[in-house]
Each structure stands twice: as C-alpha cells, then as structure tokens.
C-alpha cells in the first residue's frame, strides 16, 4: 500500500514541471528559492528509497565549510513524513542536510511539497542525474529508469534536463556493452567516448583491455574498432554466423530510440530479413503503436 496517495503535483504536470522543483545540490548558486519554513534539523529525515547511497566525505566536508560560512542557499525540498506528524521526508537535498549537521546547524530551510511515493522516486532519480560527479553508467541507468518506470521519452528528457537527444541516446547505448566495460566506465578507466566506439563488437571486452593497456585516445580507439577483432574466433560447425558490427549497431540504436529490445535477422547477401521488437508491458506496446501510427 502506498504511504502517501495524495497526488496534487508532479507527473500530471509533466517532467519539465517536476524539474523546476529540483534545486541543484550546490550552495554556491547565486540565486536561491524562498523557503517555506525553517525547521529543526532533527525533524527532517532522509528518503529511505533514495537511489544515491554514497556521499564522498571530502565533498561533504567542503560543503559543510561553505554552509558554516554562508548558510544553506538552496532550501531542501521535503514532503510531510508519512505517519510522523510534524516531521518531514527529504525529496531533494539530502547532501545539504548531511552537511548542515556536520556544520552544527540547528535549523534548515525547506520547501514543502505534497508528493506521493512515485513522484518522490522520480524526483530522486532526476536529482541523481544532475550530479556533477556522476559516471556515464549511473547517468544512463537514471535515464533508463525514467523511461521504463515513468514512460518518459528521450525527447521529453532532453527538453526537461537541458540535454541533447543524441547525448541521452548515446549514453543508453552504453548499457548494451558487456558488464566488464560498465566497470571500466564507473572506475574512469574508460570514457564514454572510448566505450561508444566499442558498442556492437563481439570482442568489445578484449578491445577495451587493449585500449586501457595502451592508453589509446578516443580517435585511436575508433581506428582500432574499425579494424575488427584482433583475435579471430574459431568457426564451430553448425554454429550461427555472428552478426556484423553494422547490424548490431543498428539494433542498439533502434533499442535506444524505442526503449525496447530490438533484434534484426538479416541473412548475408539477401535483400530482406526480419525485425523483432520485444515489449515488457502493455504500456510499452501502446507507446509503440503510437510511434508507428505517427501520433
């Protein structure tokens, strides 16, 4: 059962309206929203479903020092805490709340909103995407969550978040890479530019290791990728012929555009083939029908 079923704001107003309520987690912003209230810090509690679980200690120390000197410029966005009268649950701004406690502030400024659980999660994902230190995989997963859980299109996200549609589509393509490459992207061993050049390769993992070992640039990685796999696989009698890189690339681009799994079966030297689109929910099927009908 949802903890807060009242839905007076949020999804019905669209993604852009939700974005207007998400303040950047930065106390150096020149302008600030006006707080509705100032409340004791102990009456404010973090969101238990916050997707961000780690907060860099050095960054918190720096923010705490800024808050001690200047105060909290951007108020926290909160909602009434379910089943706890007089208390509040953080919707956006947990980092500021933590830093305020380190700075020994007794009160924090808040903007009070009426959000249900679904809206709280959506805003938490949006705020997470705005992090300056977000790695490409986490950013791509945030976009995927907004598409899968809330039905937002790439165009809607691009407009609301101030990103280009190609930026979002390129990041979503990274999710099709092998998990080992995800780790390289999270650690910073590979950049998004390096990884994009490897999307669709059967031996993307081996190529990525070579890129890291040789410290290749993005342009050098693109040249390496065009040469094809450095290690040839042995042919197994009766085994299916692996797809060429162009076909895999097209599958990934269609999958990123539609938000659904796409499979292309194209026989070598043939003009025709088969295109398969997989959907997980009836809502996704409805979305597909709207796209195909031009609505």
Protein backbone atom coordinates (compact mmCIF):
# COMPACT_ATOMS: atom_id res chain seq x y z
CA UNK A 1 0.00 0.00 0.00
CA UNK A 2 1.40 3.43 -0.92
CA UNK A 3 2.40 5.57 2.01
CA UNK A 4 1.04 8.77 0.52
CA UNK A 5 -1.62 8.51 -2.14
CA UNK A 6 -2.39 12.22 -2.44
CA UNK A 7 -1.26 13.34 -5.88
CA UNK A 8 -1.59 17.08 -6.28
CA UNK A 9 1.65 17.76 -8.18
CA UNK A 10 4.22 16.05 -10.34
CA UNK A 11 3.56 13.51 -13.03
CA UNK A 12 0.38 15.08 -14.24
CA UNK A 13 2.22 18.36 -14.79
CA UNK A 14 4.97 16.72 -16.84
CA UNK A 15 8.68 16.17 -16.44
CA UNK A 16 9.59 19.82 -17.00
CA UNK A 17 7.36 20.90 -14.10
CA UNK A 18 9.00 18.35 -11.81
CA UNK A 19 12.40 19.62 -12.89
CA UNK A 20 11.50 23.15 -11.79
CA UNK A 21 11.23 21.86 -8.22
CA UNK A 22 14.61 20.13 -8.20
CA UNK A 23 17.23 22.60 -6.95
CA UNK A 24 20.86 21.91 -7.76
CA UNK A 25 22.70 20.43 -4.78
CA UNK A 26 25.10 23.39 -4.61
CA UNK A 27 25.33 26.19 -2.03
CA UNK A 28 27.36 28.44 -4.33
CA UNK A 29 24.39 29.21 -6.60
CA UNK A 30 23.92 32.95 -6.94
CA UNK A 31 20.14 32.87 -6.61
CA UNK A 32 18.00 30.76 -4.31
CA UNK A 33 14.40 29.75 -3.92
CA UNK A 34 12.50 31.18 -0.96
CA UNK A 35 12.00 28.71 1.87
CA UNK A 36 8.50 27.95 3.12
CA UNK A 37 9.75 27.15 6.63
CA UNK A 38 12.84 26.78 8.79
CA UNK A 39 12.58 23.60 10.86
CA UNK A 40 14.81 21.81 13.40
CA UNK A 41 17.30 19.59 11.61
CA UNK A 42 16.27 16.56 13.71
CA UNK A 43 12.71 16.77 12.31
CA UNK A 44 13.98 16.19 8.77
CA UNK A 45 14.69 12.62 7.65
CA UNK A 46 16.25 11.11 4.51
CA UNK A 47 14.20 9.29 1.90
CA UNK A 48 14.65 5.53 2.53
CA UNK A 49 14.29 4.89 -1.22
CA UNK A 50 16.95 7.43 -2.24
CA UNK A 51 18.90 5.83 -5.12
CA UNK A 52 22.09 7.61 -4.08
CA UNK A 53 23.66 5.68 -1.21
CA UNK A 54 27.20 7.09 -1.06
CA UNK A 55 28.36 10.62 -0.31
CA UNK A 56 32.05 11.47 -0.80
CA UNK A 57 33.49 12.53 2.59
CA UNK A 58 35.79 15.20 1.08
CA UNK A 59 32.91 16.79 -0.85
CA UNK A 60 30.73 16.77 2.28
CA UNK A 61 33.49 18.45 4.30
CA UNK A 62 33.83 21.15 1.64
CA UNK A 63 30.06 21.70 1.53
CA UNK A 64 29.87 21.76 5.32
CA UNK A 65 32.52 24.50 5.47
CA UNK A 66 30.59 26.53 2.88
CA UNK A 67 27.34 26.12 4.83
CA UNK A 68 29.04 27.14 8.08
CA UNK A 69 30.19 30.34 6.38
CA UNK A 70 27.22 31.22 4.13
CA UNK A 71 24.32 29.07 5.35
CA UNK A 72 22.14 26.92 3.10
CA UNK A 73 21.34 28.97 0.00
CA UNK A 74 19.12 26.39 -1.70
CA UNK A 75 16.35 25.06 0.61
CA UNK A 76 15.70 21.35 0.87
CA UNK A 77 12.60 20.06 -0.90
CA UNK A 78 10.58 17.91 1.51
CA UNK A 79 7.16 16.35 1.96
CA UNK A 80 5.29 15.60 5.19
CA UNK A 81 6.76 12.44 6.69
CA UNK A 82 4.26 9.57 6.35
CA UNK A 83 2.88 8.52 9.74
CA UNK A 84 5.04 11.03 11.64
CA UNK A 85 3.24 14.32 12.29
CA UNK A 86 5.44 17.39 12.44
CA UNK A 87 8.33 15.68 10.67
CA UNK A 88 9.48 15.83 7.06
CA UNK A 89 10.99 13.46 4.50
CA UNK A 90 13.65 14.74 2.10
CA UNK A 91 12.70 14.70 -1.57
CA UNK A 92 15.78 16.58 -2.83
CA UNK A 93 18.78 17.87 -0.90
CA UNK A 94 19.98 15.05 1.37
CA UNK A 95 23.60 16.07 0.76
CA UNK A 96 22.87 19.57 2.10
CA UNK A 97 21.06 18.06 5.11
CA UNK A 98 24.07 15.89 5.97
CA UNK A 99 26.48 18.80 5.55
CA UNK A 100 24.26 21.04 7.71
CA UNK A 101 24.53 18.56 10.57
CA UNK A 102 28.31 18.49 10.18
CA UNK A 103 28.26 22.30 10.35
CA UNK A 104 26.19 22.01 13.58
CA UNK A 105 23.20 23.94 12.20
CA UNK A 106 20.10 23.69 14.38
CA UNK A 107 17.60 24.54 11.62
CA UNK A 108 17.39 24.03 7.87
CA UNK A 109 15.26 25.87 5.27
CA UNK A 110 12.68 23.74 3.49
CA UNK A 111 10.23 23.97 0.61
CA UNK A 112 7.18 21.87 1.45
CA UNK A 113 5.54 19.84 -1.32
CA UNK A 114 2.79 17.22 -1.48
CA UNK A 115 4.28 14.30 -3.43
CA UNK A 116 3.25 10.67 -3.47
CA UNK A 117 5.79 7.81 -3.39
CA UNK A 118 6.01 7.59 -7.18
CA UNK A 119 6.77 11.29 -7.55
CA UNK A 120 9.36 11.16 -4.77
CA UNK A 121 11.22 8.38 -6.57
CA UNK A 122 11.05 10.21 -9.89
CA UNK A 123 12.48 13.40 -8.41
CA UNK A 124 15.19 11.42 -6.60
CA UNK A 125 16.25 9.95 -9.95
CA UNK A 126 16.20 13.38 -11.62
CA UNK A 127 18.29 14.89 -8.83
CA UNK A 128 20.72 11.98 -9.07
CA UNK A 129 21.17 12.62 -12.81
CA UNK A 130 22.13 16.23 -12.07
CA UNK A 131 25.17 15.22 -10.00
CA UNK A 132 28.40 16.69 -11.34
CA UNK A 133 30.40 13.56 -10.42
CA UNK A 134 28.00 11.06 -11.98
CA UNK A 135 29.68 8.38 -14.10
CA UNK A 136 28.26 7.51 -17.56
CA UNK A 137 26.71 4.19 -16.48
CA UNK A 138 24.86 5.66 -13.49
CA UNK A 139 23.63 8.53 -15.67
CA UNK A 140 22.44 6.09 -18.34
CA UNK A 141 20.70 3.96 -15.71
CA UNK A 142 18.90 7.08 -14.47
CA UNK A 143 17.60 7.78 -17.98
CA UNK A 144 16.59 4.13 -18.38
CA UNK A 145 14.65 4.24 -15.09
CA UNK A 146 12.80 7.38 -16.18
CA UNK A 147 11.86 5.67 -19.45
CA UNK A 148 10.93 2.27 -18.06
CA UNK A 149 9.22 3.29 -14.81
CA UNK A 150 7.57 6.54 -15.84
CA UNK A 151 7.21 6.31 -19.62
CA UNK A 152 9.25 9.42 -20.46
CA UNK A 153 10.61 9.60 -24.00
CA UNK A 154 14.13 10.65 -24.94
CA UNK A 155 12.73 13.88 -26.36
CA UNK A 156 10.93 14.72 -23.11
CA UNK A 157 14.03 14.06 -21.03
CA UNK A 158 16.25 16.06 -23.38
CA UNK A 159 13.95 19.09 -23.15
CA UNK A 160 13.43 18.94 -19.39
CA UNK A 161 17.02 18.15 -18.43
CA UNK A 162 18.69 20.52 -20.87
CA UNK A 163 20.48 17.70 -22.67
CA UNK A 164 20.61 16.88 -26.37
CA UNK A 165 18.65 13.84 -27.53
CA UNK A 166 21.85 12.40 -29.02
CA UNK A 167 23.57 12.68 -25.63
CA UNK A 168 20.85 10.61 -23.99
CA UNK A 169 20.70 8.09 -26.86
CA UNK A 170 24.49 7.63 -26.82
CA UNK A 171 24.53 7.01 -23.08
CA UNK A 172 21.70 4.48 -23.34
CA UNK A 173 23.74 2.59 -25.95
CA UNK A 174 26.48 2.10 -23.33
CA UNK A 175 24.12 -0.13 -21.34
CA UNK A 176 24.33 -2.70 -24.17
CA UNK A 177 28.07 -3.18 -23.55
CA UNK A 178 29.39 -6.16 -21.53
CA UNK A 179 29.30 -5.74 -17.75
CA UNK A 180 33.09 -5.64 -17.55
CA UNK A 181 33.06 -2.45 -19.61
CA UNK A 182 30.45 -1.00 -17.27
CA UNK A 183 33.03 -1.41 -14.52
CA UNK A 184 35.68 0.37 -16.59
CA UNK A 185 33.29 3.30 -17.14
CA UNK A 186 32.36 3.52 -13.45
CA UNK A 187 36.02 3.48 -12.39
CA UNK A 188 37.04 6.01 -15.05
CA UNK A 189 39.40 3.61 -16.83
CA UNK A 190 37.35 4.24 -19.99
CA UNK A 191 35.50 7.38 -21.03
CA UNK A 192 32.09 7.37 -22.69
CA UNK A 193 33.80 8.31 -25.96
CA UNK A 194 36.04 5.26 -25.80
CA UNK A 195 33.15 2.98 -24.93
CA UNK A 196 30.88 4.26 -27.72
CA UNK A 197 33.49 3.18 -30.26
CA UNK A 198 33.25 -0.39 -28.94
CA UNK A 199 29.46 -0.77 -28.96
CA UNK A 200 28.47 -3.73 -31.13
CA UNK A 201 31.81 -5.54 -31.22
CA UNK A 202 31.80 -9.25 -30.42
CA UNK A 203 35.17 -8.79 -28.70
CA UNK A 204 34.45 -5.42 -27.13
CA UNK A 205 35.90 -6.60 -23.80
CA UNK A 206 39.21 -7.63 -25.35
CA UNK A 207 39.44 -4.39 -27.29
CA UNK A 208 38.68 -2.37 -24.15
CA UNK A 209 41.52 -4.07 -22.29
CA UNK A 210 43.87 -3.20 -25.14
CA UNK A 211 42.67 0.42 -25.13
CA UNK A 212 43.34 0.70 -21.39
CA UNK A 213 46.71 -1.06 -21.56
CA UNK A 214 47.96 1.06 -24.46
CA UNK A 215 46.29 4.25 -23.16
CA UNK A 216 44.73 4.93 -26.54
CA UNK A 217 42.86 8.13 -27.33
CA UNK A 218 39.24 8.09 -28.48
CA UNK A 219 40.31 8.58 -32.09
CA UNK A 220 42.81 5.71 -31.81
CA UNK A 221 40.09 3.56 -30.24
CA UNK A 222 37.78 4.29 -33.18
CA UNK A 223 40.52 3.22 -35.60
CA UNK A 224 41.14 0.04 -33.61
CA UNK A 225 37.42 -0.74 -33.62
CA UNK A 226 37.20 -0.36 -37.42
CA UNK A 227 39.94 -2.92 -37.91
CA UNK A 228 37.70 -5.55 -36.33
CA UNK A 229 38.56 -8.04 -33.61
CA UNK A 230 42.28 -8.66 -33.23
CA UNK A 231 41.61 -12.28 -32.22
CA UNK A 232 39.65 -14.41 -34.67
CA UNK A 233 37.15 -16.87 -33.25
CA UNK A 234 37.30 -20.45 -34.45
CA UNK A 235 34.36 -21.47 -36.57
CA UNK A 236 32.18 -24.13 -34.97
CA UNK A 237 30.30 -26.38 -37.42
CA UNK A 238 26.58 -25.67 -37.29
CA UNK A 239 27.02 -22.56 -35.13
CA UNK A 240 25.11 -19.43 -36.17
CA UNK A 241 27.05 -16.83 -38.10
CA UNK A 242 27.82 -13.85 -35.82
CA UNK A 243 26.16 -10.58 -36.76
CA UNK A 244 28.26 -7.89 -38.37
CA UNK A 245 29.01 -4.72 -36.43
CA UNK A 246 26.69 -2.57 -38.57
CA UNK A 247 23.69 -4.79 -37.80
CA UNK A 248 24.46 -4.81 -34.07
CA UNK A 249 24.89 -1.03 -34.15
CA UNK A 250 21.51 -0.61 -35.84
CA UNK A 251 19.88 -2.91 -33.25
CA UNK A 252 21.34 -0.82 -30.44
CA UNK A 253 20.23 2.47 -31.97
CA UNK A 254 16.67 1.24 -32.52
CA UNK A 255 16.57 -0.21 -29.00
CA UNK A 256 17.74 3.11 -27.52
CA UNK A 257 15.20 5.07 -29.56
CA UNK A 258 12.24 2.82 -28.70
CA UNK A 259 13.25 1.76 -25.20
CA UNK A 260 12.58 -1.86 -26.18
CA UNK A 261 14.67 -4.85 -27.22
CA UNK A 262 15.18 -4.96 -30.99
CA UNK A 263 16.53 -7.92 -32.97
CA UNK A 264 17.41 -7.82 -36.67
CA UNK A 265 17.82 -11.10 -38.57
CA UNK A 266 19.37 -10.33 -41.93
CA UNK A 267 20.78 -13.19 -44.00
CA UNK A 268 24.07 -12.46 -45.76
CA UNK A 269 23.70 -11.41 -49.41
CA UNK A 270 19.91 -11.21 -49.02
CA UNK A 271 17.73 -8.14 -49.54
CA UNK A 272 15.13 -8.91 -46.88
CA UNK A 273 15.12 -10.05 -43.29
CA UNK A 274 13.14 -9.98 -40.06
CA UNK A 275 12.84 -7.20 -37.46
CA UNK A 276 11.62 -8.22 -33.99
CA UNK A 277 10.61 -5.74 -31.27
CA UNK A 278 10.09 -7.08 -27.76
CA UNK A 279 7.89 -5.28 -25.21
CA UNK A 280 7.65 -5.98 -21.48
CA UNK A 281 4.33 -4.30 -20.70
CA UNK A 282 1.11 -3.38 -22.45
CA UNK A 283 2.02 0.29 -21.88
CA UNK A 284 5.14 -0.22 -23.97
CA UNK A 285 3.03 -1.82 -26.69
CA UNK A 286 0.71 1.20 -26.63
CA UNK A 287 3.73 3.50 -26.94
CA UNK A 288 4.99 1.52 -29.91
CA UNK A 289 1.61 1.71 -31.61
CA UNK A 290 1.58 5.49 -31.17
CA UNK A 291 5.05 5.75 -32.70
CA UNK A 292 4.12 3.57 -35.67
CA UNK A 293 0.88 5.46 -36.25
CA UNK A 294 2.70 8.81 -36.15
CA UNK A 295 0.82 10.16 -33.13
